[in-house]
N, C-alpha and C. Protein backbone atom coordinates (compact mmCIF):
# COMPACT_ATOMS: atom_id res chain seq x y z
N MET A 1 62.40 49.42 13.41
CA MET A 1 63.80 49.01 13.35
C MET A 1 63.97 47.73 12.53
N ILE A 2 63.17 46.71 12.88
CA ILE A 2 63.26 45.44 12.16
C ILE A 2 62.92 45.64 10.69
N ALA A 3 61.95 46.52 10.41
CA ALA A 3 61.53 46.74 9.01
C ALA A 3 62.70 47.24 8.17
N ARG A 4 63.49 48.15 8.71
CA ARG A 4 64.64 48.66 7.97
C ARG A 4 65.66 47.56 7.70
N TRP A 5 65.93 46.78 8.72
CA TRP A 5 66.88 45.67 8.56
C TRP A 5 66.35 44.63 7.59
N ARG A 6 65.05 44.40 7.64
CA ARG A 6 64.45 43.40 6.76
C ARG A 6 64.66 43.78 5.30
N VAL A 7 64.44 45.04 4.97
CA VAL A 7 64.63 45.49 3.59
C VAL A 7 66.10 45.40 3.20
N PHE A 8 66.98 45.89 4.06
CA PHE A 8 68.42 45.83 3.79
C PHE A 8 68.88 44.38 3.62
N LEU A 9 68.45 43.52 4.53
CA LEU A 9 68.85 42.12 4.45
C LEU A 9 68.27 41.43 3.22
N GLY A 10 67.12 41.89 2.76
CA GLY A 10 66.58 41.37 1.50
C GLY A 10 67.51 41.66 0.33
N PHE A 11 68.08 42.87 0.31
CA PHE A 11 69.05 43.20 -0.75
C PHE A 11 70.33 42.37 -0.60
N VAL A 12 70.78 42.19 0.65
CA VAL A 12 71.95 41.35 0.89
C VAL A 12 71.69 39.93 0.42
N ALA A 13 70.50 39.41 0.74
CA ALA A 13 70.14 38.05 0.32
C ALA A 13 70.13 37.94 -1.20
N GLY A 14 69.61 38.95 -1.88
CA GLY A 14 69.61 38.95 -3.34
C GLY A 14 71.03 38.93 -3.91
N GLY A 15 71.91 39.71 -3.29
CA GLY A 15 73.32 39.71 -3.72
C GLY A 15 73.99 38.37 -3.49
N LEU A 16 73.73 37.77 -2.33
CA LEU A 16 74.29 36.45 -2.05
C LEU A 16 73.74 35.40 -3.01
N PHE A 17 72.47 35.53 -3.36
CA PHE A 17 71.89 34.60 -4.34
C PHE A 17 72.62 34.74 -5.67
N ALA A 18 72.87 35.97 -6.09
CA ALA A 18 73.57 36.19 -7.36
C ALA A 18 74.97 35.57 -7.33
N LEU A 19 75.64 35.68 -6.18
CA LEU A 19 77.00 35.15 -6.08
C LEU A 19 77.05 33.63 -5.92
N PHE A 20 76.18 33.08 -5.09
CA PHE A 20 76.31 31.69 -4.67
C PHE A 20 75.35 30.71 -5.34
N SER A 21 74.44 31.19 -6.16
CA SER A 21 73.48 30.26 -6.77
C SER A 21 74.11 29.50 -7.93
N HIS A 22 73.69 28.26 -8.07
CA HIS A 22 74.11 27.39 -9.17
C HIS A 22 72.91 26.53 -9.54
N VAL A 23 72.69 26.38 -10.83
CA VAL A 23 71.57 25.56 -11.28
C VAL A 23 72.05 24.11 -11.35
N GLY A 24 71.46 23.26 -10.51
CA GLY A 24 71.85 21.86 -10.49
C GLY A 24 71.18 21.06 -11.59
N SER A 25 69.91 21.32 -11.82
CA SER A 25 69.18 20.62 -12.88
C SER A 25 68.03 21.50 -13.32
N TRP A 26 67.64 21.34 -14.58
CA TRP A 26 66.53 22.14 -15.09
C TRP A 26 65.21 21.81 -14.41
N PRO A 27 64.89 20.54 -14.14
CA PRO A 27 63.63 20.28 -13.44
C PRO A 27 63.57 20.95 -12.07
N ARG A 28 64.68 20.91 -11.34
CA ARG A 28 64.73 21.56 -10.03
C ARG A 28 64.61 23.07 -10.18
N ALA A 29 65.30 23.63 -11.15
CA ALA A 29 65.22 25.08 -11.38
C ALA A 29 63.80 25.49 -11.75
N LEU A 30 63.16 24.72 -12.62
CA LEU A 30 61.79 25.03 -13.02
C LEU A 30 60.83 24.93 -11.83
N LEU A 31 60.98 23.89 -11.03
CA LEU A 31 60.14 23.75 -9.83
C LEU A 31 60.31 24.96 -8.92
N GLY A 32 61.56 25.36 -8.68
CA GLY A 32 61.82 26.51 -7.83
C GLY A 32 61.24 27.79 -8.39
N LEU A 33 61.41 28.01 -9.69
CA LEU A 33 60.87 29.23 -10.30
C LEU A 33 59.35 29.26 -10.26
N LEU A 34 58.71 28.11 -10.44
CA LEU A 34 57.24 28.06 -10.35
C LEU A 34 56.77 28.32 -8.92
N LEU A 35 57.49 27.80 -7.94
CA LEU A 35 57.14 28.07 -6.54
C LEU A 35 57.31 29.56 -6.24
N ALA A 36 58.40 30.14 -6.73
CA ALA A 36 58.62 31.58 -6.55
C ALA A 36 57.53 32.39 -7.25
N LEU A 37 57.10 31.94 -8.41
CA LEU A 37 56.02 32.61 -9.13
C LEU A 37 54.71 32.53 -8.35
N ALA A 38 54.44 31.40 -7.72
CA ALA A 38 53.25 31.27 -6.87
C ALA A 38 53.31 32.27 -5.71
N GLY A 39 54.49 32.42 -5.11
CA GLY A 39 54.66 33.41 -4.05
C GLY A 39 54.42 34.82 -4.55
N LEU A 40 54.93 35.12 -5.73
CA LEU A 40 54.71 36.44 -6.34
C LEU A 40 53.23 36.68 -6.56
N TRP A 41 52.52 35.67 -7.06
CA TRP A 41 51.09 35.79 -7.31
C TRP A 41 50.34 36.08 -6.00
N ILE A 42 50.69 35.39 -4.93
CA ILE A 42 50.04 35.62 -3.63
C ILE A 42 50.30 37.05 -3.18
N ARG A 43 51.53 37.52 -3.31
CA ARG A 43 51.86 38.89 -2.92
C ARG A 43 51.04 39.90 -3.74
N GLY A 44 50.96 39.69 -5.04
CA GLY A 44 50.19 40.61 -5.88
C GLY A 44 48.72 40.60 -5.53
N TRP A 45 48.18 39.43 -5.29
CA TRP A 45 46.78 39.27 -4.89
C TRP A 45 46.53 40.04 -3.59
N ALA A 46 47.42 39.88 -2.62
CA ALA A 46 47.27 40.57 -1.33
C ALA A 46 47.35 42.08 -1.48
N ALA A 47 48.27 42.56 -2.30
CA ALA A 47 48.46 44.00 -2.47
C ALA A 47 47.21 44.67 -3.03
N GLY A 48 46.42 43.95 -3.79
CA GLY A 48 45.19 44.51 -4.34
C GLY A 48 44.06 44.66 -3.34
N TYR A 49 44.26 44.16 -2.13
CA TYR A 49 43.27 44.28 -1.06
C TYR A 49 43.74 45.20 0.06
N LEU A 50 44.99 45.57 0.05
CA LEU A 50 45.61 46.26 1.19
C LEU A 50 45.58 47.77 1.05
N GLU A 51 45.04 48.43 2.10
CA GLU A 51 45.12 49.89 2.24
C GLU A 51 45.75 50.14 3.60
N LYS A 52 47.07 50.23 3.63
CA LYS A 52 47.84 50.30 4.87
C LYS A 52 47.35 51.43 5.77
N GLY A 53 47.04 51.05 7.02
CA GLY A 53 46.65 52.01 8.04
C GLY A 53 45.25 52.58 7.90
N LYS A 54 44.54 52.30 6.81
CA LYS A 54 43.21 52.88 6.59
C LYS A 54 42.09 51.89 6.84
N ARG A 55 42.32 50.64 6.43
CA ARG A 55 41.27 49.64 6.48
C ARG A 55 41.92 48.30 6.75
N LEU A 56 41.27 47.49 7.56
CA LEU A 56 41.77 46.15 7.86
C LEU A 56 41.41 45.22 6.71
N ALA A 57 42.41 44.75 6.01
CA ALA A 57 42.18 43.82 4.89
C ALA A 57 41.78 42.46 5.45
N GLN A 58 40.61 41.98 5.04
CA GLN A 58 40.10 40.70 5.53
C GLN A 58 39.61 39.79 4.42
N ASP A 59 39.70 40.24 3.19
CA ASP A 59 39.18 39.47 2.06
C ASP A 59 40.33 39.07 1.14
N GLY A 60 39.98 38.35 0.08
CA GLY A 60 41.01 37.85 -0.81
C GLY A 60 41.91 36.89 -0.05
N PRO A 61 43.21 37.03 -0.16
CA PRO A 61 44.10 36.12 0.56
C PRO A 61 44.06 36.31 2.08
N TYR A 62 43.62 37.49 2.52
CA TYR A 62 43.51 37.75 3.96
C TYR A 62 42.39 36.93 4.59
N ALA A 63 41.49 36.41 3.80
CA ALA A 63 40.45 35.51 4.31
C ALA A 63 41.03 34.13 4.61
N TRP A 64 42.22 33.87 4.10
CA TRP A 64 42.89 32.58 4.30
C TRP A 64 43.98 32.65 5.37
N VAL A 65 44.71 33.76 5.41
CA VAL A 65 45.89 33.87 6.28
C VAL A 65 46.08 35.34 6.66
N ARG A 66 46.59 35.58 7.88
CA ARG A 66 46.76 36.95 8.37
C ARG A 66 47.78 37.76 7.58
N HIS A 67 48.85 37.13 7.17
CA HIS A 67 49.95 37.85 6.54
C HIS A 67 50.31 37.24 5.18
N PRO A 68 49.44 37.38 4.19
CA PRO A 68 49.73 36.75 2.89
C PRO A 68 50.95 37.34 2.19
N LEU A 69 51.29 38.59 2.47
CA LEU A 69 52.50 39.14 1.86
C LEU A 69 53.73 38.38 2.34
N TYR A 70 53.77 38.06 3.63
CA TYR A 70 54.91 37.29 4.16
C TYR A 70 54.87 35.85 3.68
N THR A 71 53.68 35.28 3.57
CA THR A 71 53.57 33.92 3.04
C THR A 71 54.08 33.90 1.60
N GLY A 72 53.70 34.89 0.82
CA GLY A 72 54.19 34.99 -0.56
C GLY A 72 55.69 35.19 -0.62
N SER A 73 56.22 36.04 0.25
CA SER A 73 57.68 36.25 0.29
C SER A 73 58.41 34.97 0.63
N PHE A 74 57.86 34.22 1.59
CA PHE A 74 58.45 32.94 1.97
C PHE A 74 58.51 32.00 0.77
N LEU A 75 57.41 31.88 0.05
CA LEU A 75 57.37 30.99 -1.11
C LEU A 75 58.31 31.46 -2.22
N MET A 76 58.40 32.78 -2.41
CA MET A 76 59.32 33.30 -3.42
C MET A 76 60.76 32.94 -3.06
N ALA A 77 61.14 33.23 -1.81
CA ALA A 77 62.51 32.95 -1.39
C ALA A 77 62.81 31.46 -1.43
N LEU A 78 61.88 30.65 -0.93
CA LEU A 78 62.07 29.20 -0.96
C LEU A 78 62.24 28.71 -2.40
N GLY A 79 61.43 29.22 -3.29
CA GLY A 79 61.53 28.83 -4.70
C GLY A 79 62.88 29.17 -5.30
N PHE A 80 63.38 30.37 -5.01
CA PHE A 80 64.68 30.75 -5.57
C PHE A 80 65.81 29.93 -4.96
N VAL A 81 65.72 29.62 -3.67
CA VAL A 81 66.75 28.78 -3.06
C VAL A 81 66.73 27.39 -3.69
N ILE A 82 65.55 26.83 -3.89
CA ILE A 82 65.45 25.52 -4.55
C ILE A 82 66.03 25.59 -5.96
N ALA A 83 65.68 26.64 -6.70
CA ALA A 83 66.16 26.78 -8.09
C ALA A 83 67.66 26.99 -8.15
N GLY A 84 68.23 27.64 -7.14
CA GLY A 84 69.64 28.05 -7.21
C GLY A 84 70.60 27.26 -6.36
N THR A 85 70.21 26.09 -5.89
CA THR A 85 71.15 25.28 -5.12
C THR A 85 71.44 23.99 -5.87
N ALA A 86 72.71 23.69 -5.97
CA ALA A 86 73.16 22.49 -6.67
C ALA A 86 74.03 21.67 -5.72
N SER A 87 73.84 20.37 -5.72
CA SER A 87 74.59 19.50 -4.81
C SER A 87 76.09 19.50 -5.10
N ARG A 88 76.48 19.89 -6.31
CA ARG A 88 77.92 19.92 -6.61
C ARG A 88 78.62 21.12 -5.97
N PHE A 89 77.87 22.03 -5.40
CA PHE A 89 78.42 23.19 -4.69
C PHE A 89 77.82 23.24 -3.28
N PRO A 90 78.17 22.29 -2.41
CA PRO A 90 77.50 22.20 -1.11
C PRO A 90 77.71 23.41 -0.21
N VAL A 91 78.88 24.04 -0.27
CA VAL A 91 79.12 25.21 0.58
C VAL A 91 78.24 26.37 0.12
N HIS A 92 78.17 26.58 -1.17
CA HIS A 92 77.32 27.65 -1.70
C HIS A 92 75.85 27.39 -1.37
N ALA A 93 75.43 26.14 -1.51
CA ALA A 93 74.04 25.79 -1.16
C ALA A 93 73.79 26.05 0.32
N ALA A 94 74.74 25.72 1.17
CA ALA A 94 74.59 25.94 2.61
C ALA A 94 74.45 27.42 2.92
N VAL A 95 75.21 28.27 2.23
CA VAL A 95 75.10 29.73 2.44
C VAL A 95 73.69 30.20 2.11
N LEU A 96 73.16 29.77 0.97
CA LEU A 96 71.82 30.20 0.57
C LEU A 96 70.76 29.70 1.54
N TRP A 97 70.86 28.45 1.97
CA TRP A 97 69.88 27.92 2.93
C TRP A 97 69.99 28.64 4.26
N PHE A 98 71.21 28.96 4.70
CA PHE A 98 71.39 29.68 5.96
C PHE A 98 70.74 31.06 5.89
N VAL A 99 70.98 31.78 4.81
CA VAL A 99 70.39 33.12 4.67
C VAL A 99 68.87 33.03 4.66
N PHE A 100 68.33 32.08 3.92
CA PHE A 100 66.88 31.88 3.86
C PHE A 100 66.33 31.60 5.26
N LEU A 101 66.92 30.66 5.96
CA LEU A 101 66.43 30.30 7.30
C LEU A 101 66.58 31.45 8.28
N PHE A 102 67.69 32.20 8.19
CA PHE A 102 67.89 33.35 9.06
C PHE A 102 66.78 34.37 8.86
N LEU A 103 66.48 34.70 7.61
CA LEU A 103 65.44 35.69 7.34
C LEU A 103 64.08 35.24 7.85
N PHE A 104 63.74 33.99 7.61
CA PHE A 104 62.38 33.55 7.91
C PHE A 104 62.21 32.95 9.30
N LEU A 105 63.28 32.67 9.99
CA LEU A 105 63.15 32.19 11.37
C LEU A 105 63.54 33.25 12.39
N TRP A 106 64.29 34.27 11.98
CA TRP A 106 64.71 35.30 12.93
C TRP A 106 64.10 36.65 12.62
N ILE A 107 64.24 37.13 11.41
CA ILE A 107 63.77 38.48 11.06
C ILE A 107 62.25 38.53 10.94
N TYR A 108 61.66 37.68 10.15
CA TYR A 108 60.23 37.78 9.88
C TYR A 108 59.35 37.58 11.12
N PRO A 109 59.62 36.61 11.99
CA PRO A 109 58.76 36.51 13.19
C PRO A 109 58.76 37.79 14.03
N ARG A 110 59.92 38.43 14.15
CA ARG A 110 59.99 39.68 14.91
C ARG A 110 59.19 40.79 14.22
N ARG A 111 59.32 40.86 12.91
CA ARG A 111 58.59 41.87 12.14
C ARG A 111 57.08 41.65 12.27
N ILE A 112 56.65 40.40 12.22
CA ILE A 112 55.23 40.09 12.31
C ILE A 112 54.68 40.50 13.67
N VAL A 113 55.41 40.22 14.75
CA VAL A 113 54.95 40.60 16.09
C VAL A 113 54.84 42.12 16.19
N ASP A 114 55.83 42.85 15.71
CA ASP A 114 55.78 44.32 15.73
C ASP A 114 54.58 44.83 14.93
N GLU A 115 54.37 44.27 13.76
CA GLU A 115 53.26 44.68 12.91
C GLU A 115 51.92 44.39 13.57
N GLU A 116 51.80 43.23 14.20
CA GLU A 116 50.53 42.88 14.84
C GLU A 116 50.22 43.80 16.02
N ARG A 117 51.23 44.23 16.74
CA ARG A 117 51.00 45.20 17.83
C ARG A 117 50.44 46.50 17.26
N ALA A 118 51.02 46.97 16.18
CA ALA A 118 50.55 48.21 15.55
C ALA A 118 49.14 48.04 15.00
N LEU A 119 48.84 46.90 14.40
CA LEU A 119 47.50 46.66 13.87
C LEU A 119 46.46 46.58 14.99
N GLU A 120 46.84 46.00 16.11
CA GLU A 120 45.90 45.95 17.24
C GLU A 120 45.62 47.35 17.77
N LYS A 121 46.64 48.20 17.83
CA LYS A 121 46.43 49.58 18.27
C LYS A 121 45.51 50.33 17.30
N THR A 122 45.71 50.10 16.02
CA THR A 122 44.94 50.82 15.01
C THR A 122 43.51 50.31 14.88
N PHE A 123 43.32 48.99 14.88
CA PHE A 123 42.02 48.41 14.56
C PHE A 123 41.31 47.75 15.74
N GLY A 124 41.97 47.63 16.90
CA GLY A 124 41.34 47.15 18.13
C GLY A 124 40.57 45.85 18.02
N ASP A 125 39.27 45.92 18.35
CA ASP A 125 38.43 44.71 18.38
C ASP A 125 38.33 44.03 17.01
N ALA A 126 38.31 44.81 15.95
CA ALA A 126 38.24 44.22 14.61
C ALA A 126 39.48 43.35 14.35
N TRP A 127 40.64 43.84 14.79
CA TRP A 127 41.87 43.07 14.63
C TRP A 127 41.82 41.79 15.47
N ARG A 128 41.39 41.92 16.71
CA ARG A 128 41.32 40.74 17.59
C ARG A 128 40.36 39.70 17.02
N ALA A 129 39.24 40.11 16.47
CA ALA A 129 38.30 39.17 15.86
C ALA A 129 38.93 38.50 14.63
N PHE A 130 39.64 39.29 13.86
CA PHE A 130 40.32 38.76 12.67
C PHE A 130 41.36 37.72 13.06
N THR A 131 42.15 38.01 14.09
CA THR A 131 43.21 37.07 14.49
C THR A 131 42.63 35.79 15.08
N SER A 132 41.42 35.85 15.59
CA SER A 132 40.82 34.63 16.14
C SER A 132 40.42 33.66 15.03
N LYS A 133 40.31 34.16 13.80
CA LYS A 133 39.89 33.32 12.67
C LYS A 133 41.05 32.85 11.79
N ASN A 134 42.14 33.59 11.77
CA ASN A 134 43.21 33.31 10.80
C ASN A 134 44.55 33.09 11.49
N HIS A 135 45.31 32.16 10.95
CA HIS A 135 46.68 31.92 11.41
C HIS A 135 47.60 32.99 10.85
N ARG A 136 48.73 33.17 11.50
CA ARG A 136 49.68 34.18 11.04
C ARG A 136 50.24 33.88 9.66
N PHE A 137 50.65 32.66 9.44
CA PHE A 137 51.49 32.37 8.29
C PHE A 137 50.99 31.20 7.44
N ILE A 138 50.36 30.24 8.07
CA ILE A 138 49.87 29.05 7.37
C ILE A 138 48.39 29.26 7.04
N PRO A 139 48.01 29.15 5.78
CA PRO A 139 46.60 29.38 5.41
C PRO A 139 45.64 28.39 6.07
N ARG A 140 44.44 28.86 6.35
CA ARG A 140 43.39 28.00 6.89
C ARG A 140 42.87 27.08 5.79
N GLY A 141 42.09 26.08 6.18
CA GLY A 141 41.57 25.11 5.22
C GLY A 141 40.58 25.69 4.24
N SER A 142 39.82 26.70 4.67
CA SER A 142 38.87 27.36 3.79
C SER A 142 38.82 28.83 4.20
N PRO A 143 38.47 29.72 3.29
CA PRO A 143 38.51 31.14 3.62
C PRO A 143 37.43 31.53 4.62
N ALA A 144 37.76 32.51 5.47
CA ALA A 144 36.77 33.09 6.37
C ALA A 144 35.80 33.90 5.52
N ARG A 145 34.53 33.69 5.72
CA ARG A 145 33.50 34.38 4.91
C ARG A 145 33.00 35.62 5.65
N ARG A 146 32.76 36.67 4.87
CA ARG A 146 32.19 37.91 5.42
C ARG A 146 31.08 38.38 4.51
N GLU A 147 30.14 39.12 5.10
CA GLU A 147 29.13 39.78 4.27
C GLU A 147 29.81 40.94 3.55
N ASN A 148 29.39 41.21 2.35
CA ASN A 148 29.93 42.32 1.56
C ASN A 148 31.46 42.30 1.47
N PRO A 149 32.02 41.24 0.97
CA PRO A 149 33.49 41.19 0.88
C PRO A 149 34.04 42.25 -0.07
N ASP A 150 35.23 42.69 0.23
CA ASP A 150 35.93 43.65 -0.61
C ASP A 150 36.41 42.95 -1.88
N ARG A 151 36.75 43.72 -2.88
CA ARG A 151 37.24 43.18 -4.15
C ARG A 151 38.68 43.64 -4.38
N PHE A 152 39.39 42.85 -5.16
CA PHE A 152 40.73 43.23 -5.61
C PHE A 152 40.63 44.51 -6.42
N GLU A 153 41.56 45.44 -6.16
CA GLU A 153 41.61 46.67 -6.94
C GLU A 153 43.02 46.87 -7.47
N ARG A 154 43.11 47.01 -8.76
CA ARG A 154 44.41 47.23 -9.41
C ARG A 154 45.07 48.50 -8.88
N ALA A 155 44.28 49.52 -8.59
CA ALA A 155 44.83 50.78 -8.07
C ALA A 155 45.56 50.55 -6.74
N ARG A 156 45.02 49.68 -5.89
CA ARG A 156 45.71 49.37 -4.63
C ARG A 156 47.01 48.61 -4.89
N TYR A 157 46.93 47.67 -5.83
CA TYR A 157 48.14 46.92 -6.21
C TYR A 157 49.24 47.91 -6.63
N LEU A 158 48.89 48.87 -7.47
CA LEU A 158 49.87 49.84 -7.95
C LEU A 158 50.33 50.77 -6.83
N LYS A 159 49.40 51.21 -5.99
CA LYS A 159 49.77 52.10 -4.88
C LYS A 159 50.73 51.41 -3.92
N ASN A 160 50.53 50.12 -3.71
CA ASN A 160 51.42 49.36 -2.82
C ASN A 160 52.74 48.98 -3.50
N ARG A 161 52.89 49.34 -4.77
CA ARG A 161 54.12 49.14 -5.54
C ARG A 161 54.57 47.68 -5.57
N GLU A 162 53.59 46.79 -5.63
CA GLU A 162 53.92 45.36 -5.64
C GLU A 162 54.57 44.94 -6.95
N TYR A 163 54.49 45.78 -7.96
CA TYR A 163 55.19 45.50 -9.21
C TYR A 163 56.69 45.37 -9.00
N ASN A 164 57.21 45.97 -7.91
CA ASN A 164 58.63 45.81 -7.60
C ASN A 164 58.98 44.35 -7.33
N ALA A 165 58.07 43.62 -6.68
CA ALA A 165 58.31 42.19 -6.45
C ALA A 165 58.34 41.44 -7.77
N ALA A 166 57.48 41.85 -8.72
CA ALA A 166 57.48 41.21 -10.04
C ALA A 166 58.80 41.47 -10.76
N ILE A 167 59.32 42.67 -10.63
CA ILE A 167 60.62 42.99 -11.23
C ILE A 167 61.70 42.13 -10.57
N GLY A 168 61.64 41.99 -9.25
CA GLY A 168 62.59 41.13 -8.53
C GLY A 168 62.51 39.68 -8.98
N TRP A 169 61.27 39.18 -9.14
CA TRP A 169 61.10 37.80 -9.61
C TRP A 169 61.71 37.64 -11.01
N ALA A 170 61.42 38.59 -11.89
CA ALA A 170 61.93 38.51 -13.26
C ALA A 170 63.46 38.53 -13.28
N ALA A 171 64.05 39.38 -12.44
CA ALA A 171 65.52 39.43 -12.37
C ALA A 171 66.08 38.11 -11.84
N GLY A 172 65.47 37.58 -10.79
CA GLY A 172 65.92 36.30 -10.24
C GLY A 172 65.76 35.17 -11.24
N ALA A 173 64.63 35.14 -11.93
CA ALA A 173 64.39 34.10 -12.93
C ALA A 173 65.39 34.21 -14.08
N ALA A 174 65.67 35.44 -14.52
CA ALA A 174 66.65 35.64 -15.59
C ALA A 174 68.03 35.16 -15.15
N LEU A 175 68.38 35.42 -13.89
CA LEU A 175 69.67 34.97 -13.37
C LEU A 175 69.75 33.45 -13.34
N VAL A 176 68.70 32.80 -12.87
CA VAL A 176 68.67 31.34 -12.83
C VAL A 176 68.79 30.77 -14.25
N ILE A 177 68.04 31.32 -15.18
CA ILE A 177 68.09 30.83 -16.57
C ILE A 177 69.47 31.06 -17.17
N PHE A 178 70.03 32.24 -16.95
CA PHE A 178 71.37 32.54 -17.47
C PHE A 178 72.40 31.57 -16.89
N LYS A 179 72.37 31.39 -15.57
CA LYS A 179 73.34 30.48 -14.94
C LYS A 179 73.13 29.05 -15.41
N GLY A 180 71.89 28.66 -15.63
CA GLY A 180 71.62 27.32 -16.14
C GLY A 180 72.16 27.11 -17.53
N ILE A 181 71.95 28.08 -18.41
CA ILE A 181 72.44 27.99 -19.79
C ILE A 181 73.96 28.02 -19.82
N ALA A 182 74.54 28.89 -18.98
CA ALA A 182 76.00 29.04 -18.96
C ALA A 182 76.69 27.91 -18.19
N GLY A 183 75.91 27.08 -17.51
CA GLY A 183 76.51 26.00 -16.73
C GLY A 183 77.16 26.47 -15.45
N LEU A 184 76.70 27.57 -14.92
CA LEU A 184 77.27 28.13 -13.68
C LEU A 184 76.53 27.66 -12.45
C-alpha cells in the first residue's frame, strides 16, 4: 500500500517542484544539483548489486548502509529542494520543504519498515545478521567486509530500470537551469 502511494506522491512532488521551484542563486543551484547527482550515483551503484527477492545484496553500497536506494533518493530530493528554493519566494520554498519532509519523515520510514519485514521473511538469519552490521539510512564509518564480495553488474542496473532515475535527474536539472536562465 505504502509503495503505491510513495510512487504516486513522487510524481506529485515532481509536479510541485516544477510549479514552485525558483532559482535563488547559481552557486546554490549548482550545489543542489551536485548533491542530487551524488544521490543518483548512489542509486545507480546500488541497482547494480540488487536482485530483488533472489539474493540479499550486501556488497557495494549495501556494505555501508541497509537501504542505499532510499539514501540516494533522499540526497536527490534534498539536492533539488536546495537548488529550487529562493528566499524571495518564501511560500513556494515552504511548500517544497514541506513536501520533502513529508515524504522522508512520514512515507519513507513506513515503507522501510514494511520492506524490512518482507526481507526478514525471505532471508531470515542472513537478514538479521546483515541488519546487525548496517544502519537503515545513515552509512557506517567503513564498509562491512565479506569473503567473496559480489560485483556491480550493468545487467542488474538495467533490469532494475535505474536509468529512470537518471532521466528524472536530467529533467529536474534541465528545469532548474531553464528557470535560472529565465529568471523564474
